[in-house]
PDB file of N, CA and C in Angstrom:
ATOM      1  N   MET A   1      53.555 124.430 106.195  1.00  0.00           N
ATOM      2  CA  MET A   1      54.147 123.296 105.757  1.00  0.00           C
ATOM      3  C   MET A   1      54.540 123.501 104.417  1.00  0.00           C
ATOM      4  N   ASN A   2      54.510 124.904 104.041  1.00  0.00           N
ATOM      5  CA  ASN A   2      55.330 124.979 103.026  1.00  0.00           C
ATOM      6  C   ASN A   2      57.062 125.422 102.723  1.00  0.00           C
ATOM      7  N   TRP A   3      56.902 125.476 104.195  1.00  0.00           N
ATOM      8  CA  TRP A   3      58.606 126.540 104.441  1.00  0.00           C
ATOM      9  C   TRP A   3      58.781 124.686 104.583  1.00  0.00           C
ATOM     10  N   LEU A   4      58.751 123.981 105.063  1.00  0.00           N
ATOM     11  CA  LEU A   4      59.049 122.488 104.893  1.00  0.00           C
ATOM     12  C   LEU A   4      59.469 122.247 103.837  1.00  0.00           C
ATOM     13  N   ARG A   5      59.022 121.973 102.894  1.00  0.00           N
ATOM     14  CA  ARG A   5      58.508 121.456 101.349  1.00  0.00           C
ATOM     15  C   ARG A   5      59.935 122.752 100.723  1.00  0.00           C
ATOM     16  N   GLU A   6      60.427 124.047 101.333  1.00  0.00           N
ATOM     17  CA  GLU A   6      61.361 124.726 100.389  1.00  0.00           C
ATOM     18  C   GLU A   6      62.423 124.776 101.315  1.00  0.00           C
ATOM     19  N   ALA A   7      62.432 124.420 102.436  1.00  0.00           N
ATOM     20  CA  ALA A   7      63.332 123.873 103.180  1.00  0.00           C
ATOM     21  C   ALA A   7      64.295 122.553 102.267  1.00  0.00           C
ATOM     22  N   ARG A   8      63.504 121.810 102.154  1.00  0.00           N
ATOM     23  CA  ARG A   8      63.875 120.573 101.694  1.00  0.00           C
ATOM     24  C   ARG A   8      64.546 120.360 100.479  1.00  0.00           C
ATOM     25  N   SER A   9      63.579 121.520  99.321  1.00  0.00           N
ATOM     26  CA  SER A   9      64.382 121.544  98.172  1.00  0.00           C
ATOM     27  C   SER A   9      65.777 122.338  97.908  1.00  0.00           C
ATOM     28  N   ARG A  10      66.083 123.157  98.849  1.00  0.00           N
ATOM     29  CA  ARG A  10      67.163 123.470  99.228  1.00  0.00           C
ATOM     30  C   ARG A  10      68.388 123.119 100.036  1.00  0.00           C
ATOM     31  N   THR A  11      68.093 122.078 100.760  1.00  0.00           N
ATOM     32  CA  THR A  11      68.645 121.004 101.211  1.00  0.00           C
ATOM     33  C   THR A  11      69.607 120.071 100.318  1.00  0.00           C
ATOM     34  N   PHE A  12      68.499 119.489  99.392  1.00  0.00           N
ATOM     35  CA  PHE A  12      68.899 118.848  98.290  1.00  0.00           C
ATOM     36  C   PHE A  12      69.286 119.498  97.032  1.00  0.00           C
ATOM     37  N   ARG A  13      69.175 120.372  97.076  1.00  0.00           N
ATOM     38  CA  ARG A  13      69.904 121.162  95.588  1.00  0.00           C
ATOM     39  C   ARG A  13      70.749 120.853  95.065  1.00  0.00           C
ATOM     40  N   ALA A  14      72.310 120.794  95.929  1.00  0.00           N
ATOM     41  CA  ALA A  14      73.183 120.352  95.081  1.00  0.00           C
ATOM     42  C   ALA A  14      73.525 119.160  94.606  1.00  0.00           C
ATOM     43  N   LEU A  15      72.154 118.282  94.489  1.00  0.00           N
ATOM     44  CA  LEU A  15      72.586 116.439  94.416  1.00  0.00           C
ATOM     45  C   LEU A  15      72.079 117.027  93.019  1.00  0.00           C
ATOM     46  N   THR A  16      71.502 117.882  92.547  1.00  0.00           N
ATOM     47  CA  THR A  16      71.144 118.049  90.844  1.00  0.00           C
ATOM     48  C   THR A  16      72.379 117.927  89.887  1.00  0.00           C
ATOM     49  N   VAL A  17      73.276 118.471  89.976  1.00  0.00           N
ATOM     50  CA  VAL A  17      74.253 117.994  89.697  1.00  0.00           C
ATOM     51  C   VAL A  17      75.044 116.910  90.067  1.00  0.00           C
ATOM     52  N   ARG A  18      75.511 116.623  88.354  1.00  0.00           N
ATOM     53  CA  ARG A  18      75.816 115.297  88.307  1.00  0.00           C
ATOM     54  C   ARG A  18      77.170 114.578  88.701  1.00  0.00           C
ATOM     55  N   ASN A  19      78.211 115.361  88.585  1.00  0.00           N
ATOM     56  CA  ASN A  19      79.465 115.706  89.229  1.00  0.00           C
ATOM     57  C   ASN A  19      79.593 115.491  90.996  1.00  0.00           C
ATOM     58  N   TYR A  20      78.533 116.092  91.585  1.00  0.00           N
ATOM     59  CA  TYR A  20      78.611 116.075  93.121  1.00  0.00           C
ATOM     60  C   TYR A  20      78.179 114.799  93.697  1.00  0.00           C
ATOM     61  N   ARG A  21      77.022 114.593  91.988  1.00  0.00           N
ATOM     62  CA  ARG A  21      76.287 113.239  92.721  1.00  0.00           C
ATOM     63  C   ARG A  21      77.472 111.930  93.088  1.00  0.00           C
ATOM     64  N   LEU A  22      78.241 112.224  91.745  1.00  0.00           N
ATOM     65  CA  LEU A  22      79.262 111.118  91.838  1.00  0.00           C
ATOM     66  C   LEU A  22      80.180 111.086  93.537  1.00  0.00           C
ATOM     67  N   TYR A  23      80.765 112.754  93.060  1.00  0.00           N
ATOM     68  CA  TYR A  23      81.638 112.822  94.756  1.00  0.00           C
ATOM     69  C   TYR A  23      81.038 112.693  95.867  1.00  0.00           C
ATOM     70  N   PHE A  24      79.816 113.042  96.365  1.00  0.00           N
ATOM     71  CA  PHE A  24      78.993 112.572  97.369  1.00  0.00           C
ATOM     72  C   PHE A  24      79.081 110.713  97.079  1.00  0.00           C
ATOM     73  N   THR A  25      78.652 109.918  96.238  1.00  0.00           N
ATOM     74  CA  THR A  25      78.859 108.760  96.706  1.00  0.00           C
ATOM     75  C   THR A  25      79.607 107.708  96.632  1.00  0.00           C
ATOM     76  N   GLY A  26      80.708 108.391  96.124  1.00  0.00           N
ATOM     77  CA  GLY A  26      81.915 107.894  96.199  1.00  0.00           C
ATOM     78  C   GLY A  26      82.050 108.275  97.895  1.00  0.00           C
ATOM     79  N   GLN A  27      82.132 109.051  98.120  1.00  0.00           N
ATOM     80  CA  GLN A  27      82.563 109.636  99.726  1.00  0.00           C
ATOM     81  C   GLN A  27      81.452 108.948 100.367  1.00  0.00           C
ATOM     82  N   VAL A  28      80.999 108.713 100.281  1.00  0.00           N
ATOM     83  CA  VAL A  28      79.737 107.648 101.107  1.00  0.00           C
ATOM     84  C   VAL A  28      80.400 106.602 101.349  1.00  0.00           C
ATOM     85  N   ILE A  29      80.548 105.830 100.289  1.00  0.00           N
ATOM     86  CA  ILE A  29      81.350 104.565 100.393  1.00  0.00           C
ATOM     87  C   ILE A  29      82.536 104.298 100.529  1.00  0.00           C
ATOM     88  N   SER A  30      83.410 105.963 100.527  1.00  0.00           N
ATOM     89  CA  SER A  30      84.820 105.653 101.133  1.00  0.00           C
ATOM     90  C   SER A  30      84.822 105.353 102.549  1.00  0.00           C
ATOM     91  N   VAL A  31      83.950 106.770 103.164  1.00  0.00           N
ATOM     92  CA  VAL A  31      83.847 107.122 104.786  1.00  0.00           C
ATOM     93  C   VAL A  31      83.349 105.814 105.076  1.00  0.00           C
ATOM     94  N   SER A  32      82.146 105.128 105.038  1.00  0.00           N
ATOM     95  CA  SER A  32      81.587 103.921 105.047  1.00  0.00           C
ATOM     96  C   SER A  32      82.900 103.110 105.118  1.00  0.00           C
ATOM     97  N   GLY A  33      83.740 102.649 104.443  1.00  0.00           N
ATOM     98  CA  GLY A  33      84.675 101.496 104.360  1.00  0.00           C
ATOM     99  C   GLY A  33      85.930 101.975 105.646  1.00  0.00           C
ATOM    100  N   THR A  34      86.116 103.363 105.637  1.00  0.00           N
ATOM    101  CA  THR A  34      86.894 103.855 106.396  1.00  0.00           C
ATOM    102  C   THR A  34      86.465 103.488 108.050  1.00  0.00           C
ATOM    103  N   TRP A  35      85.550 103.722 108.410  1.00  0.00           N
ATOM    104  CA  TRP A  35      84.538 103.554 109.747  1.00  0.00           C
ATOM    105  C   TRP A  35      84.118 102.161 110.070  1.00  0.00           C
ATOM    106  N   MET A  36      84.591 101.169 108.830  1.00  0.00           N
ATOM    107  CA  MET A  36      83.931  99.976 108.870  1.00  0.00           C
ATOM    108  C   MET A  36      85.426  99.349 109.684  1.00  0.00           C
ATOM    109  N   GLN A  37      86.833  99.855 108.774  1.00  0.00           N
ATOM    110  CA  GLN A  37      87.508  99.551 108.905  1.00  0.00           C
ATOM    111  C   GLN A  37      88.383  99.731 110.436  1.00  0.00           C
ATOM    112  N   MET A  38      87.862 101.132 111.036  1.00  0.00           N
ATOM    113  CA  MET A  38      88.106 101.390 112.304  1.00  0.00           C
ATOM    114  C   MET A  38      87.708 100.258 113.329  1.00  0.00           C
ATOM    115  N   VAL A  39      86.404 100.300 113.207  1.00  0.00           N
ATOM    116  CA  VAL A  39      85.569  99.059 114.034  1.00  0.00           C
ATOM    117  C   VAL A  39      85.895  97.820 114.174  1.00  0.00           C
ATOM    118  N   ALA A  40      86.390  97.727 112.936  1.00  0.00           N
ATOM    119  CA  ALA A  40      87.229  95.830 112.775  1.00  0.00           C
ATOM    120  C   ALA A  40      88.494  95.924 113.755  1.00  0.00           C
ATOM    121  N   GLN A  41      89.447  97.082 113.554  1.00  0.00           N
ATOM    122  CA  GLN A  41      90.597  96.839 114.252  1.00  0.00           C
ATOM    123  C   GLN A  41      90.072  97.254 115.556  1.00  0.00           C
ATOM    124  N   THR A  42      89.369  98.086 116.295  1.00  0.00           N
ATOM    125  CA  THR A  42      88.891  97.909 117.704  1.00  0.00           C
ATOM    126  C   THR A  42      88.769  96.528 118.113  1.00  0.00           C
ATOM    127  N   TYR A  43      87.954  95.827 117.387  1.00  0.00           N
ATOM    128  CA  TYR A  43      87.652  94.482 117.901  1.00  0.00           C
ATOM    129  C   TYR A  43      88.336  93.578 117.822  1.00  0.00           C
ATOM    130  N   LEU A  44      89.441  93.786 116.573  1.00  0.00           N
ATOM    131  CA  LEU A  44      91.056  92.909 116.495  1.00  0.00           C
ATOM    132  C   LEU A  44      91.960  93.026 117.684  1.00  0.00           C
ATOM    133  N   ILE A  45      91.667  94.125 118.005  1.00  0.00           N
ATOM    134  CA  ILE A  45      92.828  94.786 119.369  1.00  0.00           C
ATOM    135  C   ILE A  45      92.431  94.329 120.232  1.00  0.00           C
ATOM    136  N   LEU A  46      91.186  94.460 120.804  1.00  0.00           N
ATOM    137  CA  LEU A  46      90.095  94.055 122.163  1.00  0.00           C
ATOM    138  C   LEU A  46      90.241  92.692 122.353  1.00  0.00           C
ATOM    139  N   TYR A  47      90.185  92.274 121.412  1.00  0.00           N
ATOM    140  CA  TYR A  47      89.456  90.392 121.563  1.00  0.00           C
ATOM    141  C   TYR A  47      90.268  89.397 120.969  1.00  0.00           C
ATOM    142  N   ARG A  48      90.962  89.477 120.097  1.00  0.00           N
ATOM    143  CA  ARG A  48      91.438  88.678 118.942  1.00  0.00           C
ATOM    144  C   ARG A  48      92.741  89.156 119.547  1.00  0.00           C
ATOM    145  N   LEU A  49      93.141  90.298 119.710  1.00  0.00           N
ATOM    146  CA  LEU A  49      94.918  89.986 120.281  1.00  0.00           C
ATOM    147  C   LEU A  49      95.392  90.242 121.935  1.00  0.00           C
ATOM    148  N   HIS A  50      93.708  90.062 122.150  1.00  0.00           N
ATOM    149  CA  HIS A  50      93.851  90.605 123.648  1.00  0.00           C
ATOM    150  C   HIS A  50      94.348  91.788 124.413  1.00  0.00           C
ATOM    151  N   GLY A  51      94.270  93.085 123.512  1.00  0.00           N
ATOM    152  CA  GLY A  51      94.758  94.167 123.889  1.00  0.00           C
ATOM    153  C   GLY A  51      93.630  94.922 125.082  1.00  0.00           C
ATOM    154  N   THR A  52      94.712  96.044 125.178  1.00  0.00           N
ATOM    155  CA  THR A  52      93.621  96.848 126.280  1.00  0.00           C
ATOM    156  C   THR A  52      92.979  97.861 125.671  1.00  0.00           C
ATOM    157  N   GLY A  53      92.144  98.779 127.056  1.00  0.00           N
ATOM    158  CA  GLY A  53      91.550 100.126 126.687  1.00  0.00           C
ATOM    159  C   GLY A  53      93.217 101.174 125.909  1.00  0.00           C
ATOM    160  N   VAL A  54      93.931 101.088 126.598  1.00  0.00           N
ATOM    161  CA  VAL A  54      95.263 101.781 126.096  1.00  0.00           C
ATOM    162  C   VAL A  54      95.486 101.374 124.174  1.00  0.00           C
ATOM    163  N   ASP A  55      95.702 100.183 124.491  1.00  0.00           N
ATOM    164  CA  ASP A  55      96.197  99.794 123.161  1.00  0.00           C
ATOM    165  C   ASP A  55      95.261 100.165 122.302  1.00  0.00           C
ATOM    166  N   VAL A  56      93.946 100.383 122.431  1.00  0.00           N
ATOM    167  CA  VAL A  56      93.214 100.823 121.209  1.00  0.00           C
ATOM    168  C   VAL A  56      93.034 102.281 121.161  1.00  0.00           C
ATOM    169  N   ALA A  57      93.948 103.230 122.213  1.00  0.00           N
ATOM    170  CA  ALA A  57      94.134 104.321 122.142  1.00  0.00           C
ATOM    171  C   ALA A  57      95.285 104.547 121.239  1.00  0.00           C
ATOM    172  N   ILE A  58      96.123 104.152 121.045  1.00  0.00           N
ATOM    173  CA  ILE A  58      97.584 104.363 120.889  1.00  0.00           C
ATOM    174  C   ILE A  58      97.133 103.755 119.123  1.00  0.00           C
ATOM    175  N   GLY A  59      96.399 102.807 118.920  1.00  0.00           N
ATOM    176  CA  GLY A  59      96.502 102.466 117.623  1.00  0.00           C
ATOM    177  C   GLY A  59      95.279 103.231 116.810  1.00  0.00           C
ATOM    178  N   THR A  60      94.558 104.189 117.346  1.00  0.00           N
ATOM    179  CA  THR A  60      93.441 105.356 117.164  1.00  0.00           C
ATOM    180  C   THR A  60      94.403 106.313 116.721  1.00  0.00           C
ATOM    181  N   GLY A  61      95.538 106.834 117.641  1.00  0.00           N
ATOM    182  CA  GLY A  61      96.077 107.859 117.724  1.00  0.00           C
ATOM    183  C   GLY A  61      97.177 108.153 116.450  1.00  0.00           C
ATOM    184  N   LEU A  62      97.593 106.430 116.284  1.00  0.00           N
ATOM    185  CA  LEU A  62      98.716 106.070 115.689  1.00  0.00           C
ATOM    186  C   LEU A  62      97.893 106.637 113.943  1.00  0.00           C
ATOM    187  N   GLN A  63      96.664 105.957 114.223  1.00  0.00           N
ATOM    188  CA  GLN A  63      96.757 105.815 113.102  1.00  0.00           C
ATOM    189  C   GLN A  63      95.789 107.709 112.282  1.00  0.00           C
ATOM    190  N   PHE A  64      95.986 108.057 112.565  1.00  0.00           N
ATOM    191  CA  PHE A  64      96.220 109.696 112.556  1.00  0.00           C
ATOM    192  C   PHE A  64      97.728 110.474 112.206  1.00  0.00           C
ATOM    193  N   LEU A  65      98.686 109.749 112.868  1.00  0.00           N
ATOM    194  CA  LEU A  65      99.777 110.188 112.772  1.00  0.00           C
ATOM    195  C   LEU A  65     100.248 110.958 111.275  1.00  0.00           C
ATOM    196  N   PRO A  66      99.786 109.908 110.290  1.00  0.00           N
ATOM    197  CA  PRO A  66     100.495 110.442 108.739  1.00  0.00           C
ATOM    198  C   PRO A  66      99.257 111.955 108.316  1.00  0.00           C
ATOM    199  N   LEU A  67      98.197 111.525 108.878  1.00  0.00           N
ATOM    200  CA  LEU A  67      97.406 112.849 109.132  1.00  0.00           C
ATOM    201  C   LEU A  67      97.989 114.111 108.835  1.00  0.00           C
ATOM    202  N   LEU A  68      98.861 114.449 110.542  1.00  0.00           N
ATOM    203  CA  LEU A  68      98.779 115.023 111.344  1.00  0.00           C
ATOM    204  C   LEU A  68     100.588 115.351 110.465  1.00  0.00           C
ATOM    205  N   LEU A  69     101.078 114.842 110.009  1.00  0.00           N
ATOM    206  CA  LEU A  69     102.408 115.129 109.720  1.00  0.00           C
ATOM    207  C   LEU A  69     102.157 115.674 108.398  1.00  0.00           C
ATOM    208  N   ALA A  70     101.553 114.758 107.094  1.00  0.00           N
ATOM    209  CA  ALA A  70     101.526 115.305 105.999  1.00  0.00           C
ATOM    210  C   ALA A  70     100.410 115.863 105.547  1.00  0.00           C
ATOM    211  N   GLY A  71      99.722 116.583 106.717  1.00  0.00           N
ATOM    212  CA  GLY A  71      98.325 117.225 106.346  1.00  0.00           C
ATOM    213  C   GLY A  71      99.060 118.653 105.953  1.00  0.00           C
ATOM    214  N   PRO A  72      99.737 119.231 106.750  1.00  0.00           N
ATOM    215  CA  PRO A  72     100.274 120.558 105.842  1.00  0.00           C
ATOM    216  C   PRO A  72     100.694 120.774 104.761  1.00  0.00           C
ATOM    217  N   PHE A  73     100.974 119.184 104.063  1.00  0.00           N
ATOM    218  CA  PHE A  73     101.496 119.409 102.506  1.00  0.00           C
ATOM    219  C   PHE A  73      99.929 119.430 101.371  1.00  0.00           C
ATOM    220  N   GLY A  74      99.318 118.795 102.151  1.00  0.00           N
ATOM    221  CA  GLY A  74      98.078 118.629 101.293  1.00  0.00           C
ATOM    222  C   GLY A  74      97.703 119.703 100.320  1.00  0.00           C
ATOM    223  N   GLY A  75      97.896 121.011 100.862  1.00  0.00           N
ATOM    224  CA  GLY A  75      97.422 121.983  99.996  1.00  0.00           C
ATOM    225  C   GLY A  75      98.529 122.250  99.145  1.00  0.00           C
ATOM    226  N   LEU A  76      99.398 121.702  99.408  1.00  0.00           N
ATOM    227  CA  LEU A  76     100.825 122.044  98.228  1.00  0.00           C
ATOM    228  C   LEU A  76     100.369 121.126  97.151  1.00  0.00           C
ATOM    229  N   ILE A  77      99.681 119.729  97.701  1.00  0.00           N
ATOM    230  CA  ILE A  77      99.570 118.418  96.682  1.00  0.00           C
ATOM    231  C   ILE A  77      98.659 119.089  95.817  1.00  0.00           C
ATOM    232  N   ALA A  78      97.220 119.684  96.711  1.00  0.00           N
ATOM    233  CA  ALA A  78      96.327 119.561  95.868  1.00  0.00           C
ATOM    234  C   ALA A  78      96.029 120.717  94.418  1.00  0.00           C
ATOM    235  N   ASP A  79      97.234 121.636  95.058  1.00  0.00           N
ATOM    236  CA  ASP A  79      97.077 123.021  94.524  1.00  0.00           C
ATOM    237  C   ASP A  79      98.195 122.403  92.735  1.00  0.00           C
ATOM    238  N   ARG A  80      98.904 122.101  92.729  1.00  0.00           N
ATOM    239  CA  ARG A  80     100.003 121.782  92.082  1.00  0.00           C
ATOM    240  C   ARG A  80      99.512 120.456  91.471  1.00  0.00           C
ATOM    241  N   LEU A  81      99.212 119.122  91.811  1.00  0.00           N
ATOM    242  CA  LEU A  81      98.387 118.263  90.494  1.00  0.00           C
ATOM    243  C   LEU A  81      97.346 117.585  90.258  1.00  0.00           C
ATOM    244  N   ASP A  82      96.976 117.227  89.506  1.00  0.00           N
ATOM    245  CA  ASP A  82      95.816 117.193  89.090  1.00  0.00           C
ATOM    246  C   ASP A  82      95.135 115.778  90.322  1.00  0.00           C
ATOM    247  N   LYS A  83      93.897 116.964  90.641  1.00  0.00           N
ATOM    248  CA  LYS A  83      93.210 116.341  91.610  1.00  0.00           C
ATOM    249  C   LYS A  83      92.542 114.850  91.365  1.00  0.00           C
ATOM    250  N   ARG A  84      92.219 114.378  90.517  1.00  0.00           N
ATOM    251  CA  ARG A  84      91.269 112.992  89.959  1.00  0.00           C
ATOM    252  C   ARG A  84      92.693 112.194  90.410  1.00  0.00           C
ATOM    253  N   LYS A  85      93.667 112.393  89.443  1.00  0.00           N
ATOM    254  CA  LYS A  85      95.039 111.731  89.822  1.00  0.00           C
ATOM    255  C   LYS A  85      95.496 111.085  91.364  1.00  0.00           C
ATOM    256  N   VAL A  86      95.072 112.626  92.324  1.00  0.00           N
ATOM    257  CA  VAL A  86      95.711 112.333  93.675  1.00  0.00           C
ATOM    258  C   VAL A  86      94.560 111.325  94.299  1.00  0.00           C
ATOM    259  N   LEU A  87      93.353 111.673  94.080  1.00  0.00           N
ATOM    260  CA  LEU A  87      92.370 110.804  94.787  1.00  0.00           C
ATOM    261  C   LEU A  87      92.512 109.076  94.039  1.00  0.00           C
ATOM    262  N   TYR A  88      92.640 109.173  93.240  1.00  0.00           N
ATOM    263  CA  TYR A  88      92.849 107.760  92.910  1.00  0.00           C
ATOM    264  C   TYR A  88      93.921 107.152  93.538  1.00  0.00           C
ATOM    265  N   ALA A  89      94.924 107.954  93.202  1.00  0.00           N
ATOM    266  CA  ALA A  89      96.416 107.183  93.969  1.00  0.00           C
ATOM    267  C   ALA A  89      96.036 107.149  95.546  1.00  0.00           C
ATOM    268  N   THR A  90      95.595 108.023  96.389  1.00  0.00           N
ATOM    269  CA  THR A  90      95.140 107.778  97.799  1.00  0.00           C
ATOM    270  C   THR A  90      93.861 106.928  98.063  1.00  0.00           C
ATOM    271  N   GLN A  91      93.193 106.589  97.156  1.00  0.00           N
ATOM    272  CA  GLN A  91      92.312 105.729  97.332  1.00  0.00           C
ATOM    273  C   GLN A  91      92.752 104.310  97.010  1.00  0.00           C
ATOM    274  N   SER A  92      93.760 104.348  96.091  1.00  0.00           N
ATOM    275  CA  SER A  92      93.765 103.278  95.957  1.00  0.00           C
ATOM    276  C   SER A  92      95.436 102.267  96.902  1.00  0.00           C
ATOM    277  N   ALA A  93      95.837 103.413  97.724  1.00  0.00           N
ATOM    278  CA  ALA A  93      96.737 103.079  98.482  1.00  0.00           C
ATOM    279  C   ALA A  93      96.024 102.331  99.582  1.00  0.00           C
ATOM    280  N   ALA A  94      94.670 103.456  99.773  1.00  0.00           N
ATOM    281  CA  ALA A  94      94.402 102.997 101.254  1.00  0.00           C
ATOM    282  C   ALA A  94      93.520 101.693 101.007  1.00  0.00           C
ATOM    283  N   GLY A  95      92.979 101.114 100.060  1.00  0.00           N
ATOM    284  CA  GLY A  95      92.671  99.750  99.238  1.00  0.00           C
ATOM    285  C   GLY A  95      93.776  98.966  99.471  1.00  0.00           C
ATOM    286  N   ILE A  96      94.715  98.924  98.921  1.00  0.00           N
ATOM    287  CA  ILE A  96      95.566  98.226  99.193  1.00  0.00           C
ATOM    288  C   ILE A  96      96.183  98.175 100.261  1.00  0.00           C
ATOM    289  N   LEU A  97      96.494  98.737 101.413  1.00  0.00           N
ATOM    290  CA  LEU A  97      96.878  98.758 102.722  1.00  0.00           C
ATOM    291  C   LEU A  97      95.721  98.139 103.331  1.00  0.00           C
ATOM    292  N   ALA A  98      94.425  98.327 103.337  1.00  0.00           N
ATOM    293  CA  ALA A  98      93.027  97.260 104.040  1.00  0.00           C
ATOM    294  C   ALA A  98      93.412  96.123 103.502  1.00  0.00           C
ATOM    295  N   LEU A  99      93.649  95.564 101.813  1.00  0.00           N
ATOM    296  CA  LEU A  99      94.089  94.438 101.893  1.00  0.00           C
ATOM    297  C   LEU A  99      94.952  93.760 101.826  1.00  0.00           C
ATOM    298  N   VAL A 100      95.992  94.386 102.210  1.00  0.00           N
ATOM    299  CA  VAL A 100      97.313  93.514 103.263  1.00  0.00           C
ATOM    300  C   VAL A 100      96.925  93.321 104.351  1.00  0.00           C
ATOM    301  N   PHE A 101      96.816  94.683 105.339  1.00  0.00           N
ATOM    302  CA  PHE A 101      95.806  93.864 106.631  1.00  0.00           C
ATOM    303  C   PHE A 101      94.736  92.880 106.735  1.00  0.00           C
ATOM    304  N   GLY A 102      94.042  92.963 105.821  1.00  0.00           N
ATOM    305  CA  GLY A 102      92.925  92.029 105.899  1.00  0.00           C
ATOM    306  C   GLY A 102      93.873  90.694 105.803  1.00  0.00           C
ATOM    307  N   GLY A 103      94.600  90.463 105.026  1.00  0.00           N
ATOM    308  CA  GLY A 103      95.630  89.423 104.532  1.00  0.00           C
ATOM    309  C   GLY A 103      95.894  88.902 105.347  1.00  0.00           C
ATOM    310  N   LEU A 104      97.014  89.615 107.065  1.00  0.00           N
ATOM    311  CA  LEU A 104      97.204  88.972 107.535  1.00  0.00           C
ATOM    312  C   LEU A 104      96.446  88.659 108.412  1.00  0.00           C
ATOM    313  N   VAL A 105      95.188  89.433 109.042  1.00  0.00           N
ATOM    314  CA  VAL A 105      94.299  88.697 109.956  1.00  0.00           C
ATOM    315  C   VAL A 105      93.514  87.481 109.509  1.00  0.00           C
ATOM    316  N   LEU A 106      93.571  87.599 108.333  1.00  0.00           N
ATOM    317  CA  LEU A 106      92.984  85.733 107.914  1.00  0.00           C
ATOM    318  C   LEU A 106      93.721  85.121 107.868  1.00  0.00           C
ATOM    319  N   SER A 107      94.725  84.951 107.930  1.00  0.00           N
ATOM    320  CA  SER A 107      96.212  83.858 107.988  1.00  0.00           C
ATOM    321  C   SER A 107      96.380  84.106 109.672  1.00  0.00           C
ATOM    322  N   ASP A 108      96.034  84.780 109.969  1.00  0.00           N
ATOM    323  CA  ASP A 108      96.513  84.782 111.573  1.00  0.00           C
ATOM    324  C   ASP A 108      97.757  84.745 111.704  1.00  0.00           C
ATOM    325  N   ALA A 109      98.273  86.363 111.072  1.00  0.00           N
ATOM    326  CA  ALA A 109     100.152  86.109 111.213  1.00  0.00           C
ATOM    327  C   ALA A 109      99.881  87.815 111.959  1.00  0.00           C
ATOM    328  N   VAL A 110      98.714  88.772 112.200  1.00  0.00           N
ATOM    329  CA  VAL A 110      98.890  89.925 112.568  1.00  0.00           C
ATOM    330  C   VAL A 110      99.288  89.977 113.193  1.00  0.00           C
ATOM    331  N   LYS A 111     100.289  90.859 113.735  1.00  0.00           N
ATOM    332  CA  LYS A 111     100.729  91.123 115.461  1.00  0.00           C
ATOM    333  C   LYS A 111      99.938  92.497 116.256  1.00  0.00           C
ATOM    334  N   LEU A 112      99.952  93.014 117.306  1.00  0.00           N
ATOM    335  CA  LEU A 112      99.801  94.239 117.661  1.00  0.00           C
ATOM    336  C   LEU A 112     100.194  95.103 117.230  1.00  0.00           C
ATOM    337  N   TRP A 113     101.663  95.396 117.112  1.00  0.00           N
ATOM    338  CA  TRP A 113     102.349  96.347 116.644  1.00  0.00           C
ATOM    339  C   TRP A 113     102.065  96.476 115.055  1.00  0.00           C
ATOM    340  N   GLU A 114     101.612  95.783 114.605  1.00  0.00           N
ATOM    341  CA  GLU A 114     101.276  95.671 113.022  1.00  0.00           C
ATOM    342  C   GLU A 114      99.678  96.719 112.751  1.00  0.00           C
ATOM    343  N   VAL A 115      99.050  96.347 113.824  1.00  0.00           N
ATOM    344  CA  VAL A 115      97.585  97.259 113.450  1.00  0.00           C
ATOM    345  C   VAL A 115      98.142  98.561 113.808  1.00  0.00           C
TER     346      VAL A 115
END
């Protein structure tokens, strides 16, 4: 059982650093929100907009199109700009888009092409 205690202490050693704990907590919140949004969009396409599995696949594929197109420039941006400001900007943009999308859904004005 001594090996288990050692493995546990090595596994969570990074959490002793305050900045990493802040980063880790922020990532857990961000990724959880992203996955909830993906599940909600799938539900919206299938049940509220009466879409098909093909519509879900197209919607999910198009969700990753900006990452595919802008991904190669991500390293350039990360090297040249302040990382904190980039994180603030990207997370704020994602939040604003989610709020706009949520407003469209709540007002029943959302169309399949908007998803």
